[in-house]
Amino acid sequence: MKKKILAMFFGATLLCACTEEPAYQCIAPLPPAYSLDSLDDVIVPADFSLDDFNWEGSNLTLTVLSMDLYDAVQVSQMKPGDTLVYRGEKMLVSEVEQEDAILTVNKGLYEGGAWLTPHGGGVYRAVESSDYATYTELGSVTLPIADGFRLIYCGEDYNDPSDTVTSCHRQYLESKVSRSFWAGDTDVRIVQGKVVSIHKRWTP
């Protein structure tokens, strides 16, 4: 009788082990490498416009963002049933496909899903149309503009060289048709809490 009870116990244990649900993971962007309180010798993507420059006070108000990067190990293990945090929203993963360098989740962006691509250094980045990354907003801050501030501004076309402007920044920007800067085309270098340079890249 005792042997029969033990056999039934181990059989039930084995059945539970076979029917146990797989462990699911939530794949979210990694924490940013900086914060609004630690802007010391960093390069950050940022949003602002010409109107955000205070030329008399020599400062700039900008919105600081962080590119959404994902741990490559977590991404490589992604499976249906997992949750992906994409553009700030939770997405239940139902399908994962590898297409060349692009990992397509739930049939991709145009079908309500997502795209991820390797970004080097053991991370992936989220991809939108035209290969733009996605970003998380950290907040706005007003920073002084450093002496020797440089503005690197892209040409009108892809192959045009960039202008490097070291003086008369206001007049130069006022001469441009595009007077807005956004995280997808602008990097701001900040050293000891001051804006040292702004680099605006050409984008389609």
N, C-alpha and C. Protein backbone atom coordinates (compact mmCIF):
# COMPACT_ATOMS: atom_id res chain seq x y z
N MET A 1 0.83 -1.21 0.00
CA MET A 1 0.00 0.00 0.00
C MET A 1 0.87 1.25 0.00
N LYS A 2 1.94 1.21 0.86
CA LYS A 2 2.84 2.36 0.95
C LYS A 2 3.52 2.62 -0.39
N LYS A 3 3.95 1.55 -1.06
CA LYS A 3 4.60 1.70 -2.35
C LYS A 3 3.63 2.30 -3.38
N LYS A 4 2.37 1.91 -3.30
CA LYS A 4 1.37 2.41 -4.23
C LYS A 4 1.16 3.90 -4.04
N ILE A 5 1.11 4.34 -2.78
CA ILE A 5 0.92 5.76 -2.48
C ILE A 5 2.11 6.57 -2.99
N LEU A 6 3.34 6.05 -2.77
CA LEU A 6 4.54 6.75 -3.24
C LEU A 6 4.55 6.85 -4.75
N ALA A 7 4.14 5.79 -5.43
CA ALA A 7 4.10 5.80 -6.89
C ALA A 7 3.12 6.85 -7.39
N MET A 8 1.95 6.95 -6.73
CA MET A 8 0.95 7.95 -7.12
C MET A 8 1.49 9.35 -6.89
N PHE A 9 2.23 9.56 -5.79
CA PHE A 9 2.79 10.87 -5.46
C PHE A 9 3.79 11.32 -6.50
N PHE A 10 4.72 10.43 -6.85
CA PHE A 10 5.75 10.78 -7.83
C PHE A 10 5.14 10.96 -9.22
N GLY A 11 4.10 10.20 -9.51
CA GLY A 11 3.43 10.36 -10.79
C GLY A 11 2.77 11.72 -10.91
N ALA A 12 2.11 12.15 -9.81
CA ALA A 12 1.47 13.46 -9.81
C ALA A 12 2.51 14.57 -9.91
N THR A 13 3.65 14.40 -9.23
CA THR A 13 4.73 15.40 -9.30
C THR A 13 5.25 15.54 -10.71
N LEU A 14 5.46 14.40 -11.39
CA LEU A 14 5.94 14.41 -12.76
C LEU A 14 4.94 15.07 -13.69
N LEU A 15 3.66 14.83 -13.48
CA LEU A 15 2.62 15.44 -14.30
C LEU A 15 2.62 16.95 -14.16
N CYS A 16 2.78 17.43 -12.92
CA CYS A 16 2.83 18.88 -12.68
C CYS A 16 4.04 19.51 -13.36
N ALA A 17 5.18 18.80 -13.31
CA ALA A 17 6.40 19.33 -13.93
C ALA A 17 6.23 19.43 -15.44
N CYS A 18 5.53 18.45 -16.04
CA CYS A 18 5.35 18.44 -17.49
C CYS A 18 4.37 19.52 -17.95
N THR A 19 3.43 19.88 -17.11
CA THR A 19 2.41 20.85 -17.51
C THR A 19 2.69 22.25 -16.97
N GLU A 20 3.84 22.45 -16.32
CA GLU A 20 4.16 23.77 -15.76
C GLU A 20 4.32 24.79 -16.88
N GLU A 21 3.75 25.97 -16.70
CA GLU A 21 3.83 27.02 -17.70
C GLU A 21 5.26 27.54 -17.82
N PRO A 22 5.74 27.84 -19.05
CA PRO A 22 7.09 28.39 -19.20
C PRO A 22 7.18 29.77 -18.56
N ALA A 23 8.38 30.13 -18.14
CA ALA A 23 8.59 31.45 -17.52
C ALA A 23 8.61 32.50 -18.61
N TYR A 24 7.83 33.56 -18.41
CA TYR A 24 7.78 34.65 -19.37
C TYR A 24 8.57 35.84 -18.82
N GLN A 25 9.13 36.63 -19.72
CA GLN A 25 9.92 37.78 -19.32
C GLN A 25 9.32 39.07 -19.87
N CYS A 26 9.59 40.16 -19.18
CA CYS A 26 9.22 41.48 -19.66
C CYS A 26 10.50 42.16 -20.14
N ILE A 27 10.57 42.47 -21.42
CA ILE A 27 11.76 43.03 -22.03
C ILE A 27 11.55 44.53 -22.19
N ALA A 28 12.22 45.29 -21.35
CA ALA A 28 12.05 46.75 -21.33
C ALA A 28 13.39 47.42 -21.65
N PRO A 29 13.36 48.69 -22.09
CA PRO A 29 14.62 49.39 -22.34
C PRO A 29 15.49 49.44 -21.09
N LEU A 30 16.80 49.35 -21.31
CA LEU A 30 17.75 49.45 -20.20
C LEU A 30 17.70 50.84 -19.58
N PRO A 31 18.04 50.97 -18.31
CA PRO A 31 18.08 52.30 -17.70
C PRO A 31 19.09 53.19 -18.43
N PRO A 32 18.79 54.47 -18.60
CA PRO A 32 19.73 55.36 -19.28
C PRO A 32 21.02 55.51 -18.50
N ALA A 33 22.09 55.85 -19.20
CA ALA A 33 23.40 55.99 -18.56
C ALA A 33 23.57 57.34 -17.87
N TYR A 34 22.55 58.20 -17.95
CA TYR A 34 22.63 59.53 -17.35
C TYR A 34 21.24 59.95 -16.89
N SER A 35 21.20 61.00 -16.09
CA SER A 35 19.94 61.57 -15.63
C SER A 35 20.06 63.08 -15.68
N LEU A 36 18.97 63.77 -15.42
CA LEU A 36 19.00 65.23 -15.43
C LEU A 36 19.92 65.77 -14.34
N ASP A 37 20.18 64.95 -13.32
CA ASP A 37 21.04 65.38 -12.22
C ASP A 37 22.51 65.01 -12.43
N SER A 38 22.80 64.33 -13.55
CA SER A 38 24.19 63.89 -13.76
C SER A 38 24.65 64.18 -15.18
N LEU A 39 24.41 65.40 -15.63
CA LEU A 39 24.80 65.79 -16.98
C LEU A 39 26.21 66.38 -16.95
N ASP A 40 27.17 65.49 -16.82
CA ASP A 40 28.57 65.91 -16.72
C ASP A 40 29.39 65.10 -17.72
N ASP A 41 29.83 65.75 -18.77
CA ASP A 41 30.59 65.12 -19.84
C ASP A 41 29.80 63.98 -20.47
N VAL A 42 28.65 64.31 -21.03
CA VAL A 42 27.79 63.34 -21.71
C VAL A 42 27.34 63.92 -23.04
N ILE A 43 26.95 63.03 -23.93
CA ILE A 43 26.33 63.42 -25.20
C ILE A 43 24.92 62.87 -25.18
N VAL A 44 23.93 63.74 -25.32
CA VAL A 44 22.54 63.32 -25.18
C VAL A 44 21.74 63.71 -26.42
N PRO A 45 20.79 62.87 -26.85
CA PRO A 45 19.81 63.30 -27.84
C PRO A 45 18.84 64.28 -27.19
N ALA A 46 18.41 65.29 -27.93
CA ALA A 46 17.59 66.33 -27.31
C ALA A 46 16.61 66.94 -28.31
N ASP A 47 15.53 67.50 -27.76
CA ASP A 47 14.53 68.25 -28.53
C ASP A 47 14.55 69.71 -28.09
N PHE A 48 14.54 70.63 -29.04
CA PHE A 48 14.40 72.06 -28.75
C PHE A 48 14.24 72.80 -30.07
N SER A 49 14.02 74.09 -30.00
CA SER A 49 13.88 74.90 -31.21
C SER A 49 14.66 76.20 -31.03
N LEU A 50 14.67 77.00 -32.07
CA LEU A 50 15.38 78.28 -32.00
C LEU A 50 14.85 79.15 -30.87
N ASP A 51 13.54 79.06 -30.62
CA ASP A 51 12.93 79.88 -29.57
C ASP A 51 13.39 79.48 -28.17
N ASP A 52 14.01 78.32 -28.02
CA ASP A 52 14.46 77.87 -26.70
C ASP A 52 15.84 78.41 -26.32
N PHE A 53 16.48 79.11 -27.25
CA PHE A 53 17.74 79.77 -26.92
C PHE A 53 17.47 81.12 -26.26
N ASN A 54 18.12 81.37 -25.17
CA ASN A 54 18.10 82.68 -24.53
C ASN A 54 19.46 83.32 -24.81
N TRP A 55 19.52 84.08 -25.88
CA TRP A 55 20.81 84.60 -26.33
C TRP A 55 21.37 85.64 -25.35
N GLU A 56 20.47 86.46 -24.77
CA GLU A 56 20.93 87.46 -23.83
C GLU A 56 21.46 86.82 -22.55
N GLY A 57 20.78 85.79 -22.08
CA GLY A 57 21.20 85.10 -20.87
C GLY A 57 22.20 83.99 -21.12
N SER A 58 22.46 83.72 -22.41
CA SER A 58 23.41 82.68 -22.83
C SER A 58 23.08 81.32 -22.22
N ASN A 59 21.83 80.88 -22.44
CA ASN A 59 21.45 79.54 -22.00
C ASN A 59 20.46 78.91 -22.98
N LEU A 60 20.22 77.64 -22.80
CA LEU A 60 19.34 76.88 -23.69
C LEU A 60 18.46 75.97 -22.86
N THR A 61 17.17 75.98 -23.15
CA THR A 61 16.23 75.04 -22.53
C THR A 61 15.97 73.90 -23.50
N LEU A 62 16.26 72.69 -23.08
CA LEU A 62 16.12 71.53 -23.96
C LEU A 62 15.48 70.37 -23.22
N THR A 63 14.84 69.50 -24.00
CA THR A 63 14.29 68.27 -23.45
C THR A 63 15.29 67.16 -23.72
N VAL A 64 15.74 66.52 -22.66
CA VAL A 64 16.75 65.46 -22.75
C VAL A 64 16.04 64.11 -22.90
N LEU A 65 16.56 63.30 -23.82
CA LEU A 65 15.98 61.98 -24.05
C LEU A 65 17.07 60.92 -23.97
N SER A 66 16.64 59.67 -23.95
CA SER A 66 17.55 58.53 -23.95
C SER A 66 17.08 57.55 -25.02
N MET A 67 18.02 57.09 -25.85
CA MET A 67 17.66 56.10 -26.86
C MET A 67 17.24 54.80 -26.17
N ASP A 68 16.18 54.18 -26.66
CA ASP A 68 15.69 52.92 -26.10
C ASP A 68 16.59 51.77 -26.56
N LEU A 69 17.36 51.23 -25.62
CA LEU A 69 18.26 50.11 -25.88
C LEU A 69 17.84 48.91 -25.04
N TYR A 70 17.98 47.72 -25.62
CA TYR A 70 17.55 46.49 -24.97
C TYR A 70 18.71 45.52 -24.83
N ASP A 71 18.71 44.76 -23.74
CA ASP A 71 19.75 43.77 -23.52
C ASP A 71 19.67 42.68 -24.60
N ALA A 72 20.81 42.42 -25.25
CA ALA A 72 20.83 41.48 -26.37
C ALA A 72 20.48 40.05 -25.94
N VAL A 73 20.85 39.66 -24.73
CA VAL A 73 20.52 38.31 -24.26
C VAL A 73 19.02 38.15 -24.10
N GLN A 74 18.38 39.15 -23.49
CA GLN A 74 16.92 39.09 -23.34
C GLN A 74 16.24 39.05 -24.70
N VAL A 75 16.72 39.88 -25.63
CA VAL A 75 16.10 39.92 -26.96
C VAL A 75 16.27 38.58 -27.67
N SER A 76 17.45 37.96 -27.56
CA SER A 76 17.70 36.68 -28.24
C SER A 76 16.81 35.57 -27.68
N GLN A 77 16.35 35.73 -26.46
CA GLN A 77 15.51 34.71 -25.83
C GLN A 77 14.02 35.04 -25.93
N MET A 78 13.67 36.09 -26.63
CA MET A 78 12.27 36.50 -26.71
C MET A 78 11.42 35.41 -27.38
N LYS A 79 10.23 35.20 -26.83
CA LYS A 79 9.35 34.14 -27.33
C LYS A 79 7.90 34.58 -27.14
N PRO A 80 6.96 33.94 -27.85
CA PRO A 80 5.55 34.24 -27.64
C PRO A 80 5.16 34.09 -26.17
N GLY A 81 4.40 35.04 -25.68
CA GLY A 81 4.01 35.07 -24.28
C GLY A 81 4.78 36.09 -23.48
N ASP A 82 5.96 36.48 -23.98
CA ASP A 82 6.72 37.54 -23.32
C ASP A 82 6.05 38.89 -23.56
N THR A 83 6.51 39.89 -22.82
CA THR A 83 6.02 41.26 -22.98
C THR A 83 7.18 42.15 -23.40
N LEU A 84 6.97 42.96 -24.43
CA LEU A 84 7.98 43.91 -24.91
C LEU A 84 7.47 45.32 -24.64
N VAL A 85 8.27 46.13 -23.95
CA VAL A 85 7.93 47.54 -23.75
C VAL A 85 8.51 48.31 -24.94
N TYR A 86 7.63 48.83 -25.78
CA TYR A 86 8.03 49.47 -27.04
C TYR A 86 7.32 50.82 -27.16
N ARG A 87 8.11 51.87 -27.32
CA ARG A 87 7.57 53.23 -27.39
C ARG A 87 6.70 53.54 -26.16
N GLY A 88 7.15 53.04 -25.02
CA GLY A 88 6.48 53.34 -23.76
C GLY A 88 5.24 52.52 -23.49
N GLU A 89 4.90 51.59 -24.38
CA GLU A 89 3.71 50.77 -24.20
C GLU A 89 4.08 49.29 -24.11
N LYS A 90 3.32 48.53 -23.31
CA LYS A 90 3.55 47.10 -23.19
C LYS A 90 2.87 46.36 -24.34
N MET A 91 3.63 45.48 -24.97
CA MET A 91 3.14 44.72 -26.12
C MET A 91 3.29 43.23 -25.82
N LEU A 92 2.21 42.47 -25.88
CA LEU A 92 2.27 41.03 -25.70
C LEU A 92 2.84 40.40 -26.96
N VAL A 93 3.90 39.66 -26.83
CA VAL A 93 4.57 39.05 -27.98
C VAL A 93 3.83 37.79 -28.40
N SER A 94 3.42 37.76 -29.66
CA SER A 94 2.74 36.57 -30.19
C SER A 94 3.55 35.89 -31.28
N GLU A 95 4.50 36.63 -31.87
CA GLU A 95 5.28 36.07 -32.98
C GLU A 95 6.62 36.79 -33.07
N VAL A 96 7.69 36.04 -33.26
CA VAL A 96 9.04 36.59 -33.39
C VAL A 96 9.70 35.99 -34.62
N GLU A 97 10.20 36.85 -35.52
CA GLU A 97 10.88 36.38 -36.72
C GLU A 97 12.18 37.14 -36.91
N GLN A 98 13.22 36.44 -37.34
CA GLN A 98 14.51 37.07 -37.64
C GLN A 98 14.59 37.25 -39.15
N GLU A 99 14.71 38.51 -39.59
CA GLU A 99 14.83 38.81 -41.02
C GLU A 99 16.10 39.62 -41.22
N ASP A 100 17.16 38.93 -41.67
CA ASP A 100 18.48 39.56 -41.80
C ASP A 100 18.89 40.14 -40.45
N ALA A 101 19.16 41.45 -40.40
CA ALA A 101 19.59 42.05 -39.13
C ALA A 101 18.42 42.54 -38.28
N ILE A 102 17.22 42.42 -38.81
CA ILE A 102 16.03 42.94 -38.11
C ILE A 102 15.29 41.81 -37.41
N LEU A 103 15.00 42.01 -36.13
CA LEU A 103 14.12 41.09 -35.41
C LEU A 103 12.72 41.67 -35.48
N THR A 104 11.81 40.94 -36.10
CA THR A 104 10.44 41.41 -36.30
C THR A 104 9.53 40.79 -35.25
N VAL A 105 8.85 41.64 -34.50
CA VAL A 105 7.93 41.19 -33.46
C VAL A 105 6.50 41.50 -33.89
N ASN A 106 5.65 40.50 -33.82
CA ASN A 106 4.23 40.66 -34.19
C ASN A 106 4.06 41.31 -35.56
N LYS A 107 4.86 40.82 -36.53
CA LYS A 107 4.78 41.22 -37.94
C LYS A 107 5.29 42.64 -38.21
N GLY A 108 5.90 43.27 -37.24
CA GLY A 108 6.56 44.55 -37.50
C GLY A 108 5.72 45.77 -37.24
N LEU A 109 6.36 46.93 -37.37
CA LEU A 109 5.76 48.22 -37.01
C LEU A 109 4.45 48.49 -37.73
N TYR A 110 4.40 48.21 -39.03
CA TYR A 110 3.22 48.57 -39.83
C TYR A 110 2.01 47.67 -39.56
N GLU A 111 2.24 46.57 -38.83
CA GLU A 111 1.14 45.68 -38.45
C GLU A 111 0.84 45.77 -36.96
N GLY A 112 1.33 46.84 -36.33
CA GLY A 112 1.09 47.02 -34.91
C GLY A 112 2.13 46.37 -34.03
N GLY A 113 3.22 45.86 -34.63
CA GLY A 113 4.28 45.21 -33.88
C GLY A 113 5.49 46.11 -33.71
N ALA A 114 6.67 45.50 -33.77
CA ALA A 114 7.89 46.26 -33.51
C ALA A 114 9.05 45.67 -34.30
N TRP A 115 10.09 46.49 -34.47
CA TRP A 115 11.34 46.05 -35.07
C TRP A 115 12.46 46.34 -34.09
N LEU A 116 13.41 45.41 -33.98
CA LEU A 116 14.60 45.60 -33.17
C LEU A 116 15.81 45.23 -34.02
N THR A 117 16.92 45.94 -33.83
CA THR A 117 18.13 45.66 -34.60
C THR A 117 19.35 45.79 -33.70
N PRO A 118 20.42 45.01 -33.95
CA PRO A 118 21.63 45.12 -33.12
C PRO A 118 22.22 46.52 -33.19
N HIS A 119 22.73 46.97 -32.05
CA HIS A 119 23.30 48.33 -31.98
C HIS A 119 24.74 48.29 -31.46
N GLY A 120 25.31 47.10 -31.33
CA GLY A 120 26.67 46.97 -30.84
C GLY A 120 26.72 47.01 -29.32
N GLY A 121 27.81 46.48 -28.76
CA GLY A 121 27.98 46.54 -27.32
C GLY A 121 27.00 45.71 -26.54
N GLY A 122 26.46 44.66 -27.16
CA GLY A 122 25.55 43.77 -26.43
C GLY A 122 24.15 44.31 -26.24
N VAL A 123 23.73 45.22 -27.13
CA VAL A 123 22.38 45.78 -27.02
C VAL A 123 21.70 45.81 -28.38
N TYR A 124 20.38 45.89 -28.33
CA TYR A 124 19.55 46.14 -29.50
C TYR A 124 18.89 47.51 -29.33
N ARG A 125 18.48 48.10 -30.44
CA ARG A 125 17.68 49.32 -30.36
C ARG A 125 16.36 49.10 -31.10
N ALA A 126 15.35 49.80 -30.67
CA ALA A 126 14.07 49.76 -31.37
C ALA A 126 14.18 50.59 -32.64
N VAL A 127 13.47 50.17 -33.68
CA VAL A 127 13.55 50.83 -34.98
C VAL A 127 12.16 51.26 -35.42
N GLU A 128 12.07 52.51 -35.88
CA GLU A 128 10.85 53.00 -36.50
C GLU A 128 11.08 53.14 -38.00
N SER A 129 10.15 53.77 -38.71
CA SER A 129 10.33 53.96 -40.14
C SER A 129 11.56 54.81 -40.41
N SER A 130 12.17 54.61 -41.58
CA SER A 130 13.39 55.31 -41.99
C SER A 130 14.56 55.04 -41.05
N ASP A 131 14.51 53.93 -40.32
CA ASP A 131 15.58 53.48 -39.43
C ASP A 131 15.78 54.40 -38.23
N TYR A 132 14.80 55.23 -37.90
CA TYR A 132 14.92 56.06 -36.70
C TYR A 132 14.80 55.18 -35.46
N ALA A 133 15.52 55.56 -34.41
CA ALA A 133 15.40 54.88 -33.13
C ALA A 133 14.19 55.43 -32.38
N THR A 134 13.82 54.77 -31.29
CA THR A 134 12.81 55.32 -30.39
C THR A 134 13.53 55.84 -29.14
N TYR A 135 12.88 56.78 -28.47
CA TYR A 135 13.52 57.46 -27.33
C TYR A 135 12.54 57.58 -26.18
N THR A 136 13.12 57.68 -24.98
CA THR A 136 12.34 57.95 -23.77
C THR A 136 12.70 59.33 -23.25
N GLU A 137 11.69 60.14 -22.99
CA GLU A 137 11.93 61.50 -22.50
C GLU A 137 12.27 61.48 -21.02
N LEU A 138 13.36 62.17 -20.66
CA LEU A 138 13.78 62.24 -19.26
C LEU A 138 13.34 63.52 -18.58
N GLY A 139 13.08 64.56 -19.36
CA GLY A 139 12.64 65.82 -18.78
C GLY A 139 13.36 67.00 -19.41
N SER A 140 12.93 68.20 -19.03
CA SER A 140 13.50 69.44 -19.57
C SER A 140 14.43 70.08 -18.55
N VAL A 141 15.43 70.79 -19.07
CA VAL A 141 16.41 71.45 -18.23
C VAL A 141 16.93 72.68 -18.96
N THR A 142 17.28 73.70 -18.21
CA THR A 142 17.90 74.90 -18.77
C THR A 142 19.36 74.92 -18.37
N LEU A 143 20.24 75.00 -19.38
CA LEU A 143 21.68 74.92 -19.13
C LEU A 143 22.39 76.12 -19.74
N PRO A 144 23.45 76.59 -19.10
CA PRO A 144 24.24 77.67 -19.69
C PRO A 144 25.00 77.18 -20.93
N ILE A 145 25.23 78.10 -21.85
CA ILE A 145 26.02 77.80 -23.04
C ILE A 145 27.48 78.14 -22.74
N ALA A 146 28.37 77.19 -22.95
CA ALA A 146 29.77 77.35 -22.59
C ALA A 146 30.48 78.33 -23.53
N ASP A 147 31.53 78.94 -23.04
CA ASP A 147 32.41 79.72 -23.90
C ASP A 147 33.03 78.79 -24.93
N GLY A 148 33.15 79.26 -26.15
CA GLY A 148 33.69 78.41 -27.21
C GLY A 148 32.68 77.44 -27.78
N PHE A 149 31.40 77.66 -27.49
CA PHE A 149 30.32 76.79 -27.99
C PHE A 149 30.40 76.62 -29.50
N ARG A 150 30.24 75.38 -29.97
CA ARG A 150 30.27 75.08 -31.40
C ARG A 150 28.94 74.50 -31.86
N LEU A 151 28.49 74.93 -33.01
CA LEU A 151 27.29 74.41 -33.66
C LEU A 151 27.73 73.72 -34.95
N ILE A 152 27.43 72.42 -35.05
CA ILE A 152 27.72 71.67 -36.27
C ILE A 152 26.39 71.37 -36.93
N TYR A 153 26.17 71.97 -38.10
CA TYR A 153 24.85 71.93 -38.74
C TYR A 153 24.97 71.26 -40.09
N CYS A 154 24.11 70.29 -40.35
CA CYS A 154 24.18 69.50 -41.58
C CYS A 154 23.90 70.34 -42.82
N GLY A 155 24.35 69.81 -43.96
CA GLY A 155 24.06 70.46 -45.23
C GLY A 155 22.62 70.23 -45.66
N GLU A 156 22.24 70.86 -46.76
CA GLU A 156 20.87 70.74 -47.24
C GLU A 156 20.57 69.34 -47.78
N ASP A 157 21.58 68.70 -48.37
CA ASP A 157 21.43 67.35 -48.91
C ASP A 157 22.37 66.39 -48.20
N TYR A 158 22.12 65.10 -48.40
CA TYR A 158 22.87 64.06 -47.68
C TYR A 158 24.38 64.18 -47.88
N ASN A 159 24.81 64.46 -49.11
CA ASN A 159 26.24 64.49 -49.41
C ASN A 159 26.89 65.85 -49.15
N ASP A 160 26.11 66.83 -48.77
CA ASP A 160 26.68 68.16 -48.50
C ASP A 160 27.46 68.13 -47.19
N PRO A 161 28.58 68.84 -47.12
CA PRO A 161 29.33 68.89 -45.86
C PRO A 161 28.58 69.70 -44.81
N SER A 162 28.86 69.42 -43.55
CA SER A 162 28.24 70.17 -42.46
C SER A 162 29.00 71.48 -42.24
N ASP A 163 28.27 72.47 -41.74
CA ASP A 163 28.90 73.73 -41.34
C ASP A 163 29.31 73.63 -39.87
N THR A 164 30.48 74.15 -39.54
CA THR A 164 30.91 74.26 -38.16
C THR A 164 30.93 75.74 -37.80
N VAL A 165 30.02 76.13 -36.91
CA VAL A 165 29.81 77.54 -36.59
C VAL A 165 30.34 77.81 -35.18
N THR A 166 31.27 78.75 -35.07
CA THR A 166 31.87 79.06 -33.77
C THR A 166 31.54 80.47 -33.28
N SER A 167 30.81 81.22 -34.08
CA SER A 167 30.40 82.57 -33.68
C SER A 167 29.14 82.95 -34.44
N CYS A 168 28.47 83.99 -33.98
CA CYS A 168 27.23 84.48 -34.65
C CYS A 168 26.22 83.34 -34.82
N HIS A 169 26.06 82.53 -33.78
CA HIS A 169 25.16 81.37 -33.85
C HIS A 169 23.71 81.78 -34.12
N ARG A 170 23.30 82.85 -33.48
CA ARG A 170 21.90 83.28 -33.64
C ARG A 170 21.62 83.66 -35.09
N GLN A 171 22.48 84.46 -35.67
CA GLN A 171 22.27 84.89 -37.05
C GLN A 171 22.29 83.70 -38.00
N TYR A 172 23.17 82.76 -37.73
CA TYR A 172 23.24 81.58 -38.59
C TYR A 172 21.93 80.79 -38.53
N LEU A 173 21.43 80.53 -37.32
CA LEU A 173 20.21 79.74 -37.19
C LEU A 173 19.00 80.47 -37.75
N GLU A 174 18.96 81.76 -37.59
CA GLU A 174 17.84 82.53 -38.13
C GLU A 174 17.82 82.53 -39.65
N SER A 175 18.94 82.21 -40.26
CA SER A 175 19.00 82.15 -41.72
C SER A 175 18.51 80.81 -42.27
N LYS A 176 18.27 79.85 -41.38
CA LYS A 176 17.88 78.52 -41.80
C LYS A 176 16.36 78.37 -41.86
N VAL A 177 15.90 77.57 -42.81
CA VAL A 177 14.47 77.30 -42.91
C VAL A 177 14.04 76.40 -41.75
N SER A 178 14.83 75.35 -41.49
CA SER A 178 14.54 74.45 -40.38
C SER A 178 15.20 74.98 -39.12
N ARG A 179 14.37 75.34 -38.14
CA ARG A 179 14.88 75.91 -36.89
C ARG A 179 14.57 75.02 -35.69
N SER A 180 14.22 73.78 -35.96
CA SER A 180 13.90 72.86 -34.87
C SER A 180 14.93 71.73 -34.82
N PHE A 181 15.13 71.22 -33.62
CA PHE A 181 16.07 70.13 -33.38
C PHE A 181 15.32 69.03 -32.64
N TRP A 182 15.55 67.79 -33.01
CA TRP A 182 14.87 66.70 -32.32
C TRP A 182 15.84 65.54 -32.10
N ALA A 183 15.48 64.64 -31.21
CA ALA A 183 16.39 63.59 -30.77
C ALA A 183 16.90 62.74 -31.92
N GLY A 184 16.10 62.59 -32.98
CA GLY A 184 16.51 61.76 -34.10
C GLY A 184 17.62 62.35 -34.94
N ASP A 185 17.85 63.66 -34.83
CA ASP A 185 18.90 64.27 -35.65
C ASP A 185 19.86 65.16 -34.86
N THR A 186 19.70 65.22 -33.55
CA THR A 186 20.49 66.17 -32.76
C THR A 186 21.12 65.52 -31.54
N ASP A 187 22.43 65.72 -31.41
CA ASP A 187 23.16 65.33 -30.20
C ASP A 187 23.72 66.59 -29.55
N VAL A 188 23.59 66.67 -28.23
CA VAL A 188 24.11 67.81 -27.48
C VAL A 188 25.19 67.30 -26.53
N ARG A 189 26.37 67.91 -26.61
CA ARG A 189 27.43 67.54 -25.67
C ARG A 189 27.41 68.52 -24.50
N ILE A 190 27.38 67.94 -23.31
CA ILE A 190 27.31 68.73 -22.08
C ILE A 190 28.51 68.38 -21.21
N VAL A 191 29.24 69.38 -20.80
CA VAL A 191 30.40 69.19 -19.93
C VAL A 191 30.26 70.10 -18.72
N GLN A 192 30.33 69.51 -17.53
CA GLN A 192 30.19 70.25 -16.28
C GLN A 192 28.92 71.11 -16.28
N GLY A 193 27.85 70.52 -16.80
CA GLY A 193 26.55 71.19 -16.78
C GLY A 193 26.38 72.29 -17.79
N LYS A 194 27.31 72.44 -18.74
CA LYS A 194 27.21 73.49 -19.77
C LYS A 194 27.16 72.87 -21.16
N VAL A 195 26.42 73.52 -22.05
CA VAL A 195 26.31 73.06 -23.44
C VAL A 195 27.58 73.47 -24.18
N VAL A 196 28.36 72.46 -24.59
CA VAL A 196 29.63 72.71 -25.27
C VAL A 196 29.46 72.70 -26.78
N SER A 197 28.62 71.79 -27.28
CA SER A 197 28.40 71.72 -28.72
C SER A 197 27.04 71.11 -29.03
N ILE A 198 26.53 71.43 -30.20
CA ILE A 198 25.30 70.85 -30.73
C ILE A 198 25.61 70.34 -32.13
N HIS A 199 25.26 69.10 -32.39
CA HIS A 199 25.49 68.49 -33.70
C HIS A 199 24.15 68.08 -34.30
N LYS A 200 23.77 68.76 -35.37
CA LYS A 200 22.53 68.43 -36.08
C LYS A 200 22.89 67.66 -37.35
N ARG A 201 22.40 66.41 -37.46
CA ARG A 201 22.70 65.55 -38.59
C ARG A 201 21.62 65.65 -39.65
N TRP A 202 21.99 65.31 -40.88
CA TRP A 202 21.01 65.27 -41.96
C TRP A 202 20.12 64.04 -41.78
N THR A 203 18.83 64.22 -41.95
CA THR A 203 17.87 63.12 -41.90
C THR A 203 16.91 63.25 -43.07
N PRO A 204 16.36 62.14 -43.56
CA PRO A 204 15.40 62.22 -44.67
C PRO A 204 14.13 62.95 -44.29
